[in-house]
N, C-alpha and C. Protein backbone atom coordinates (compact mmCIF):
# COMPACT_ATOMS: atom_id res chain seq x y z
N MET A 1 -46.22 184.76 75.18
CA MET A 1 -45.83 186.11 74.84
C MET A 1 -46.51 186.54 73.55
N SER A 2 -46.99 187.73 73.53
CA SER A 2 -47.66 188.29 72.37
C SER A 2 -46.66 189.03 71.50
N VAL A 3 -46.75 188.84 70.19
CA VAL A 3 -45.89 189.56 69.25
C VAL A 3 -46.76 190.23 68.20
N THR A 4 -46.15 191.21 67.54
CA THR A 4 -46.79 191.90 66.42
C THR A 4 -45.95 191.66 65.19
N ILE A 5 -46.59 191.28 64.10
CA ILE A 5 -45.90 191.10 62.83
C ILE A 5 -46.41 192.18 61.90
N ARG A 6 -45.45 192.92 61.31
CA ARG A 6 -45.82 194.04 60.45
C ARG A 6 -44.75 194.26 59.40
N PRO A 7 -45.08 194.95 58.31
CA PRO A 7 -44.07 195.27 57.30
C PRO A 7 -43.03 196.23 57.86
N ALA A 8 -41.80 196.12 57.36
CA ALA A 8 -40.73 197.03 57.75
C ALA A 8 -41.06 198.44 57.26
N GLU A 9 -40.67 199.41 58.06
CA GLU A 9 -40.82 200.82 57.72
C GLU A 9 -39.46 201.49 57.83
N LYS A 10 -39.34 202.69 57.26
CA LYS A 10 -38.04 203.39 57.29
C LYS A 10 -37.53 203.58 58.71
N ARG A 11 -38.41 203.77 59.66
CA ARG A 11 -38.00 203.97 61.06
C ARG A 11 -37.31 202.73 61.63
N ASP A 12 -37.39 201.60 60.94
CA ASP A 12 -36.82 200.34 61.42
C ASP A 12 -35.40 200.07 60.93
N ILE A 13 -34.84 200.96 60.12
CA ILE A 13 -33.55 200.68 59.48
C ILE A 13 -32.48 200.32 60.50
N LEU A 14 -32.33 201.10 61.55
CA LEU A 14 -31.30 200.82 62.55
C LEU A 14 -31.55 199.47 63.23
N ALA A 15 -32.78 199.21 63.64
CA ALA A 15 -33.10 197.95 64.33
C ALA A 15 -32.87 196.75 63.42
N VAL A 16 -33.21 196.87 62.15
CA VAL A 16 -32.98 195.77 61.22
C VAL A 16 -31.47 195.57 61.02
N ALA A 17 -30.72 196.65 60.89
CA ALA A 17 -29.27 196.55 60.73
C ALA A 17 -28.65 195.87 61.95
N GLU A 18 -29.14 196.16 63.13
CA GLU A 18 -28.64 195.50 64.34
C GLU A 18 -29.02 194.03 64.35
N LEU A 19 -30.23 193.71 63.92
CA LEU A 19 -30.66 192.31 63.87
C LEU A 19 -29.85 191.53 62.84
N ILE A 20 -29.45 192.18 61.75
CA ILE A 20 -28.63 191.52 60.73
C ILE A 20 -27.31 191.03 61.36
N GLU A 21 -26.73 191.82 62.25
CA GLU A 21 -25.52 191.37 62.93
C GLU A 21 -25.79 190.10 63.73
N GLU A 22 -26.92 190.08 64.43
CA GLU A 22 -27.29 188.89 65.21
C GLU A 22 -27.46 187.68 64.29
N ILE A 23 -28.08 187.89 63.15
CA ILE A 23 -28.28 186.80 62.18
C ILE A 23 -26.93 186.30 61.67
N GLU A 24 -26.05 187.22 61.33
CA GLU A 24 -24.72 186.84 60.84
C GLU A 24 -23.98 186.01 61.89
N ARG A 25 -24.05 186.43 63.14
CA ARG A 25 -23.39 185.68 64.21
C ARG A 25 -24.04 184.31 64.40
N PHE A 26 -25.36 184.24 64.24
CA PHE A 26 -26.07 182.98 64.34
C PHE A 26 -25.53 181.98 63.32
N TYR A 27 -25.22 182.46 62.12
CA TYR A 27 -24.68 181.61 61.06
C TYR A 27 -23.17 181.42 61.15
N GLY A 28 -22.55 181.95 62.21
CA GLY A 28 -21.14 181.69 62.45
C GLY A 28 -20.17 182.72 61.93
N SER A 29 -20.67 183.81 61.38
CA SER A 29 -19.77 184.82 60.86
C SER A 29 -19.07 185.55 62.00
N THR A 30 -17.79 185.81 61.81
CA THR A 30 -17.03 186.58 62.80
C THR A 30 -16.60 187.93 62.22
N GLU A 31 -16.73 188.09 60.92
CA GLU A 31 -16.41 189.36 60.27
C GLU A 31 -17.71 190.09 59.97
N ILE A 32 -18.04 191.04 60.82
CA ILE A 32 -19.29 191.77 60.71
C ILE A 32 -19.02 193.17 60.15
N GLN A 33 -19.82 193.56 59.18
CA GLN A 33 -19.69 194.91 58.61
C GLN A 33 -19.95 195.95 59.68
N PRO A 34 -19.37 197.13 59.53
CA PRO A 34 -19.69 198.23 60.44
C PRO A 34 -21.18 198.57 60.36
N LEU A 35 -21.73 199.03 61.46
CA LEU A 35 -23.16 199.33 61.56
C LEU A 35 -23.61 200.31 60.49
N ASP A 36 -22.84 201.34 60.22
CA ASP A 36 -23.27 202.33 59.23
C ASP A 36 -23.39 201.70 57.84
N GLU A 37 -22.52 200.77 57.49
CA GLU A 37 -22.62 200.08 56.20
C GLU A 37 -23.88 199.21 56.16
N ARG A 38 -24.15 198.50 57.25
CA ARG A 38 -25.36 197.67 57.31
C ARG A 38 -26.61 198.53 57.18
N GLN A 39 -26.63 199.66 57.86
CA GLN A 39 -27.78 200.55 57.78
C GLN A 39 -28.00 201.01 56.34
N SER A 40 -26.93 201.39 55.67
CA SER A 40 -27.03 201.84 54.28
C SER A 40 -27.57 200.73 53.38
N GLN A 41 -27.09 199.51 53.60
CA GLN A 41 -27.56 198.39 52.78
C GLN A 41 -29.02 198.06 53.06
N VAL A 42 -29.42 198.12 54.32
CA VAL A 42 -30.82 197.86 54.66
C VAL A 42 -31.71 198.90 54.00
N GLU A 43 -31.31 200.16 54.08
CA GLU A 43 -32.11 201.23 53.48
C GLU A 43 -32.26 201.04 51.98
N GLU A 44 -31.14 200.73 51.31
CA GLU A 44 -31.19 200.52 49.86
C GLU A 44 -32.04 199.30 49.50
N ALA A 45 -31.84 198.21 50.24
CA ALA A 45 -32.56 196.97 49.92
C ALA A 45 -34.07 197.11 50.11
N LEU A 46 -34.47 197.70 51.23
CA LEU A 46 -35.90 197.74 51.56
C LEU A 46 -36.62 198.99 51.08
N PHE A 47 -35.88 200.10 50.88
CA PHE A 47 -36.55 201.36 50.57
C PHE A 47 -35.94 202.10 49.39
N GLY A 48 -35.05 201.43 48.65
CA GLY A 48 -34.47 202.04 47.46
C GLY A 48 -35.51 202.16 46.36
N SER A 49 -35.08 202.70 45.22
CA SER A 49 -36.00 202.89 44.10
C SER A 49 -35.46 202.14 42.88
N PRO A 50 -35.97 200.98 42.58
CA PRO A 50 -37.01 200.23 43.32
C PRO A 50 -36.37 199.44 44.48
N PRO A 51 -37.21 199.05 45.44
CA PRO A 51 -36.69 198.21 46.52
C PRO A 51 -36.28 196.84 45.97
N MET A 52 -35.24 196.26 46.57
CA MET A 52 -34.79 194.93 46.15
C MET A 52 -35.53 193.83 46.90
N ALA A 53 -36.07 194.17 48.06
CA ALA A 53 -36.69 193.15 48.91
C ALA A 53 -37.74 193.81 49.79
N SER A 54 -38.46 192.96 50.49
CA SER A 54 -39.42 193.39 51.50
C SER A 54 -39.14 192.59 52.76
N ALA A 55 -39.66 193.07 53.87
CA ALA A 55 -39.45 192.34 55.12
C ALA A 55 -40.65 192.49 56.02
N LEU A 56 -41.01 191.39 56.66
CA LEU A 56 -41.95 191.41 57.76
C LEU A 56 -41.12 191.40 59.03
N LEU A 57 -41.48 192.24 59.98
CA LEU A 57 -40.75 192.31 61.24
C LEU A 57 -41.61 191.80 62.37
N VAL A 58 -40.95 191.23 63.37
CA VAL A 58 -41.62 190.75 64.57
C VAL A 58 -41.18 191.62 65.73
N GLU A 59 -42.16 192.21 66.41
CA GLU A 59 -41.89 193.00 67.62
C GLU A 59 -42.45 192.27 68.81
N ASP A 60 -41.72 192.32 69.93
CA ASP A 60 -42.26 191.76 71.16
C ASP A 60 -43.14 192.79 71.85
N GLU A 61 -43.62 192.46 73.02
CA GLU A 61 -44.56 193.34 73.73
C GLU A 61 -43.95 194.69 74.07
N SER A 62 -42.62 194.76 74.19
CA SER A 62 -41.97 196.03 74.51
C SER A 62 -41.66 196.85 73.27
N GLY A 63 -41.93 196.30 72.08
CA GLY A 63 -41.63 196.99 70.83
C GLY A 63 -40.26 196.68 70.27
N ALA A 64 -39.51 195.79 70.92
CA ALA A 64 -38.19 195.41 70.43
C ALA A 64 -38.32 194.48 69.23
N LEU A 65 -37.43 194.64 68.27
CA LEU A 65 -37.41 193.79 67.09
C LEU A 65 -36.80 192.44 67.46
N VAL A 66 -37.55 191.36 67.26
CA VAL A 66 -37.10 190.03 67.69
C VAL A 66 -37.12 189.00 66.55
N GLY A 67 -37.45 189.43 65.34
CA GLY A 67 -37.45 188.51 64.23
C GLY A 67 -37.78 189.19 62.93
N LEU A 68 -37.52 188.46 61.83
CA LEU A 68 -37.87 189.01 60.52
C LEU A 68 -38.02 187.90 59.51
N ALA A 69 -38.75 188.22 58.47
CA ALA A 69 -38.84 187.39 57.27
C ALA A 69 -38.55 188.32 56.11
N ALA A 70 -37.42 188.10 55.42
CA ALA A 70 -37.04 188.92 54.27
C ALA A 70 -37.39 188.14 53.01
N TYR A 71 -38.04 188.81 52.08
CA TYR A 71 -38.53 188.11 50.89
C TYR A 71 -38.53 189.04 49.68
N SER A 72 -38.62 188.42 48.51
CA SER A 72 -38.75 189.12 47.24
C SER A 72 -39.71 188.35 46.37
N PHE A 73 -40.28 189.02 45.41
CA PHE A 73 -41.10 188.34 44.42
C PHE A 73 -40.23 188.05 43.21
N LEU A 74 -40.28 186.81 42.73
CA LEU A 74 -39.48 186.38 41.59
C LEU A 74 -40.38 185.99 40.42
N TRP A 75 -39.90 186.25 39.23
CA TRP A 75 -40.63 185.90 38.03
C TRP A 75 -39.65 185.34 37.02
N PRO A 76 -40.01 184.35 36.28
CA PRO A 76 -41.25 183.58 36.31
C PRO A 76 -41.17 182.43 37.31
N ALA A 77 -42.33 181.97 37.68
CA ALA A 77 -42.43 180.76 38.51
C ALA A 77 -43.04 179.69 37.61
N ALA A 78 -44.26 179.28 37.88
CA ALA A 78 -44.95 178.32 37.01
C ALA A 78 -45.62 179.09 35.89
N GLY A 79 -45.24 178.77 34.64
CA GLY A 79 -45.80 179.51 33.51
C GLY A 79 -45.35 180.96 33.60
N ALA A 80 -46.30 181.87 33.52
CA ALA A 80 -45.99 183.30 33.59
C ALA A 80 -46.28 183.87 34.98
N SER A 81 -46.57 182.98 35.94
CA SER A 81 -46.84 183.46 37.30
C SER A 81 -45.54 183.83 37.99
N HIS A 82 -45.64 184.32 39.20
CA HIS A 82 -44.46 184.64 39.99
C HIS A 82 -44.57 183.99 41.36
N SER A 83 -43.47 184.04 42.10
CA SER A 83 -43.46 183.41 43.42
C SER A 83 -42.94 184.40 44.46
N LEU A 84 -43.31 184.14 45.69
CA LEU A 84 -42.72 184.86 46.81
C LEU A 84 -41.55 183.99 47.26
N PHE A 85 -40.34 184.55 47.23
CA PHE A 85 -39.15 183.82 47.64
C PHE A 85 -38.71 184.32 49.00
N LEU A 86 -38.75 183.45 49.98
CA LEU A 86 -38.31 183.77 51.33
C LEU A 86 -36.80 183.60 51.40
N LYS A 87 -36.08 184.68 51.63
CA LYS A 87 -34.62 184.63 51.70
C LYS A 87 -34.13 184.36 53.11
N GLU A 88 -34.79 184.94 54.09
CA GLU A 88 -34.34 184.78 55.47
C GLU A 88 -35.52 184.77 56.41
N LEU A 89 -35.56 183.76 57.27
CA LEU A 89 -36.54 183.67 58.35
C LEU A 89 -35.73 183.56 59.63
N TYR A 90 -35.91 184.52 60.52
CA TYR A 90 -35.11 184.52 61.74
C TYR A 90 -35.97 184.97 62.91
N VAL A 91 -35.88 184.21 63.98
CA VAL A 91 -36.54 184.56 65.24
C VAL A 91 -35.49 184.46 66.33
N ARG A 92 -35.40 185.50 67.13
CA ARG A 92 -34.43 185.52 68.23
C ARG A 92 -34.61 184.27 69.09
N ASP A 93 -33.49 183.71 69.57
CA ASP A 93 -33.53 182.44 70.29
C ASP A 93 -34.45 182.44 71.50
N THR A 94 -34.66 183.58 72.14
CA THR A 94 -35.54 183.64 73.31
C THR A 94 -37.00 183.42 72.96
N LEU A 95 -37.34 183.52 71.67
CA LEU A 95 -38.74 183.32 71.25
C LEU A 95 -38.93 182.10 70.37
N ARG A 96 -37.88 181.35 70.12
CA ARG A 96 -38.02 180.16 69.28
C ARG A 96 -38.87 179.12 70.00
N ARG A 97 -39.55 178.32 69.19
CA ARG A 97 -40.42 177.24 69.67
C ARG A 97 -41.63 177.77 70.43
N ARG A 98 -42.04 178.98 70.06
CA ARG A 98 -43.24 179.58 70.67
C ARG A 98 -44.28 179.96 69.61
N GLY A 99 -44.07 179.47 68.39
CA GLY A 99 -45.05 179.71 67.34
C GLY A 99 -44.81 180.96 66.50
N VAL A 100 -43.75 181.71 66.79
CA VAL A 100 -43.50 182.95 66.06
C VAL A 100 -43.12 182.66 64.61
N GLY A 101 -42.24 181.69 64.40
CA GLY A 101 -41.85 181.32 63.04
C GLY A 101 -43.05 180.82 62.24
N ALA A 102 -43.91 180.04 62.88
CA ALA A 102 -45.11 179.56 62.21
C ALA A 102 -46.03 180.73 61.84
N GLN A 103 -46.11 181.73 62.72
CA GLN A 103 -46.91 182.92 62.40
C GLN A 103 -46.34 183.66 61.20
N LEU A 104 -45.01 183.78 61.14
CA LEU A 104 -44.37 184.43 60.00
C LEU A 104 -44.66 183.66 58.71
N MET A 105 -44.52 182.34 58.75
CA MET A 105 -44.79 181.54 57.55
C MET A 105 -46.25 181.69 57.10
N SER A 106 -47.16 181.72 58.05
CA SER A 106 -48.57 181.91 57.72
C SER A 106 -48.81 183.28 57.08
N GLU A 107 -48.18 184.30 57.63
CA GLU A 107 -48.33 185.65 57.08
C GLU A 107 -47.75 185.73 55.67
N LEU A 108 -46.64 185.05 55.42
CA LEU A 108 -46.06 185.04 54.08
C LEU A 108 -47.00 184.35 53.08
N ARG A 109 -47.60 183.25 53.50
CA ARG A 109 -48.55 182.56 52.62
C ARG A 109 -49.75 183.45 52.32
N THR A 110 -50.19 184.20 53.32
CA THR A 110 -51.31 185.13 53.12
C THR A 110 -50.92 186.23 52.14
N LEU A 111 -49.72 186.79 52.29
CA LEU A 111 -49.24 187.82 51.35
C LEU A 111 -49.20 187.28 49.92
N ALA A 112 -48.65 186.08 49.77
CA ALA A 112 -48.54 185.49 48.44
C ALA A 112 -49.92 185.23 47.83
N ALA A 113 -50.83 184.70 48.63
CA ALA A 113 -52.17 184.39 48.12
C ALA A 113 -52.92 185.66 47.74
N ALA A 114 -52.65 186.76 48.41
CA ALA A 114 -53.35 188.01 48.13
C ALA A 114 -52.80 188.74 46.90
N ARG A 115 -51.65 188.33 46.45
CA ARG A 115 -51.02 189.01 45.31
C ARG A 115 -51.42 188.32 44.00
N PRO A 116 -52.13 189.01 43.14
CA PRO A 116 -52.55 188.39 41.87
C PRO A 116 -51.36 187.86 41.08
N GLY A 117 -51.47 186.64 40.62
CA GLY A 117 -50.43 186.03 39.80
C GLY A 117 -49.33 185.34 40.57
N CYS A 118 -49.39 185.37 41.90
CA CYS A 118 -48.37 184.70 42.71
C CYS A 118 -48.82 183.26 42.94
N SER A 119 -48.03 182.32 42.43
CA SER A 119 -48.47 180.92 42.45
C SER A 119 -47.90 180.10 43.59
N ARG A 120 -46.85 180.62 44.29
CA ARG A 120 -46.27 179.80 45.34
C ARG A 120 -45.31 180.61 46.21
N VAL A 121 -44.95 179.99 47.33
CA VAL A 121 -43.92 180.49 48.22
C VAL A 121 -42.78 179.48 48.17
N GLU A 122 -41.56 179.98 48.02
CA GLU A 122 -40.40 179.10 47.94
C GLU A 122 -39.33 179.59 48.90
N TRP A 123 -38.49 178.67 49.37
CA TRP A 123 -37.38 179.02 50.24
C TRP A 123 -36.40 177.87 50.26
N MET A 124 -35.26 178.12 50.86
CA MET A 124 -34.22 177.09 51.00
C MET A 124 -33.74 177.06 52.44
N THR A 125 -33.16 175.96 52.81
CA THR A 125 -32.42 175.87 54.06
C THR A 125 -31.23 174.95 53.82
N ASP A 126 -30.23 175.09 54.64
CA ASP A 126 -29.05 174.23 54.48
C ASP A 126 -29.37 172.80 54.87
N ARG A 127 -28.78 171.85 54.15
CA ARG A 127 -28.97 170.44 54.49
C ARG A 127 -28.47 170.13 55.90
N ASP A 128 -27.44 170.89 56.35
CA ASP A 128 -26.88 170.64 57.67
C ASP A 128 -27.49 171.55 58.75
N ASN A 129 -28.76 171.92 58.56
CA ASN A 129 -29.49 172.71 59.55
C ASN A 129 -30.71 171.89 60.00
N PRO A 130 -30.49 170.90 60.87
CA PRO A 130 -31.60 170.01 61.25
C PRO A 130 -32.73 170.74 61.97
N GLU A 131 -32.43 171.81 62.70
CA GLU A 131 -33.50 172.53 63.40
C GLU A 131 -34.46 173.18 62.41
N ALA A 132 -33.91 173.82 61.38
CA ALA A 132 -34.77 174.45 60.37
C ALA A 132 -35.56 173.40 59.61
N ARG A 133 -34.92 172.31 59.25
CA ARG A 133 -35.61 171.26 58.51
C ARG A 133 -36.74 170.66 59.34
N ALA A 134 -36.49 170.46 60.63
CA ALA A 134 -37.54 169.93 61.52
C ALA A 134 -38.68 170.93 61.67
N PHE A 135 -38.33 172.22 61.75
CA PHE A 135 -39.36 173.27 61.85
C PHE A 135 -40.29 173.23 60.64
N TYR A 136 -39.72 173.24 59.42
CA TYR A 136 -40.56 173.24 58.22
C TYR A 136 -41.37 171.95 58.12
N LYS A 137 -40.77 170.84 58.50
CA LYS A 137 -41.50 169.57 58.49
C LYS A 137 -42.67 169.61 59.47
N SER A 138 -42.47 170.24 60.63
CA SER A 138 -43.54 170.33 61.63
C SER A 138 -44.73 171.15 61.13
N LEU A 139 -44.47 172.03 60.16
CA LEU A 139 -45.55 172.83 59.56
C LEU A 139 -46.22 172.11 58.40
N GLY A 140 -45.72 170.90 58.09
CA GLY A 140 -46.32 170.12 57.02
C GLY A 140 -45.70 170.34 55.65
N PHE A 141 -44.55 171.02 55.59
CA PHE A 141 -43.90 171.27 54.31
C PHE A 141 -42.93 170.15 53.99
N ALA A 142 -43.00 169.66 52.76
CA ALA A 142 -42.10 168.60 52.32
C ALA A 142 -40.87 169.22 51.65
N GLU A 143 -39.74 168.55 51.80
CA GLU A 143 -38.53 169.00 51.13
C GLU A 143 -38.64 168.69 49.65
N PHE A 144 -38.10 169.57 48.84
CA PHE A 144 -38.10 169.42 47.40
C PHE A 144 -36.68 169.14 46.96
N ASP A 145 -36.45 167.99 46.34
CA ASP A 145 -35.11 167.59 45.94
C ASP A 145 -34.81 167.88 44.47
N GLY A 146 -35.66 168.61 43.80
CA GLY A 146 -35.53 168.77 42.36
C GLY A 146 -34.53 169.80 41.88
N LYS A 147 -33.94 170.61 42.75
CA LYS A 147 -33.05 171.67 42.31
C LYS A 147 -31.68 171.55 42.97
N ILE A 148 -30.69 172.02 42.27
CA ILE A 148 -29.35 172.17 42.81
C ILE A 148 -29.07 173.66 42.82
N VAL A 149 -28.60 174.18 43.92
CA VAL A 149 -28.34 175.61 44.05
C VAL A 149 -26.90 175.90 43.67
N TYR A 150 -26.71 176.92 42.83
CA TYR A 150 -25.39 177.39 42.46
C TYR A 150 -25.21 178.78 43.01
N ARG A 151 -23.96 179.12 43.29
CA ARG A 151 -23.66 180.46 43.80
C ARG A 151 -22.28 180.86 43.32
N VAL A 152 -22.13 182.10 42.95
CA VAL A 152 -20.82 182.62 42.58
C VAL A 152 -20.65 183.98 43.25
N ASP A 153 -19.49 184.22 43.78
CA ASP A 153 -19.17 185.48 44.42
C ASP A 153 -18.89 186.51 43.31
N THR A 154 -19.51 187.65 43.35
CA THR A 154 -19.34 188.65 42.30
C THR A 154 -17.98 189.31 42.31
N SER A 155 -17.22 189.13 43.39
CA SER A 155 -15.89 189.73 43.45
C SER A 155 -14.83 188.84 42.83
N THR A 156 -15.21 187.61 42.42
CA THR A 156 -14.25 186.71 41.79
C THR A 156 -14.67 186.45 40.35
N ARG A 157 -13.70 186.29 39.51
CA ARG A 157 -14.02 186.01 38.10
C ARG A 157 -13.36 184.76 37.67
């Protein structure tokens, strides 16, 4: 199957918001925000002033949205350089194991290499996600054990 990978555009807000629900369900969430709230958040995140993130979208031959890579540039990385941080890589289950995720990773590396001062691409996956870990290993990426991730919910003090 042939796919097209391209940057998100404003016309994609609804489709991305719908895909976000699929992603949430994939991760086991049962409490899904209403569609209008998701649309508003997608618009603000990708097209606000300034945008908080960027996204590459995957379309199938019919033009349906079947995957995405959401990322941001972070500073500093090594020295005064910056990095491309991949927040979410998702491919609809009907297209998994067909090279689409590898194409997205390749495109992200190309974006990072083309951006002056960008020294690396970074991302995380859960330790209890063997499929994702096997996928990254199959692409030749080694796991990095040097960091511990912390998270705090902004609604709690």
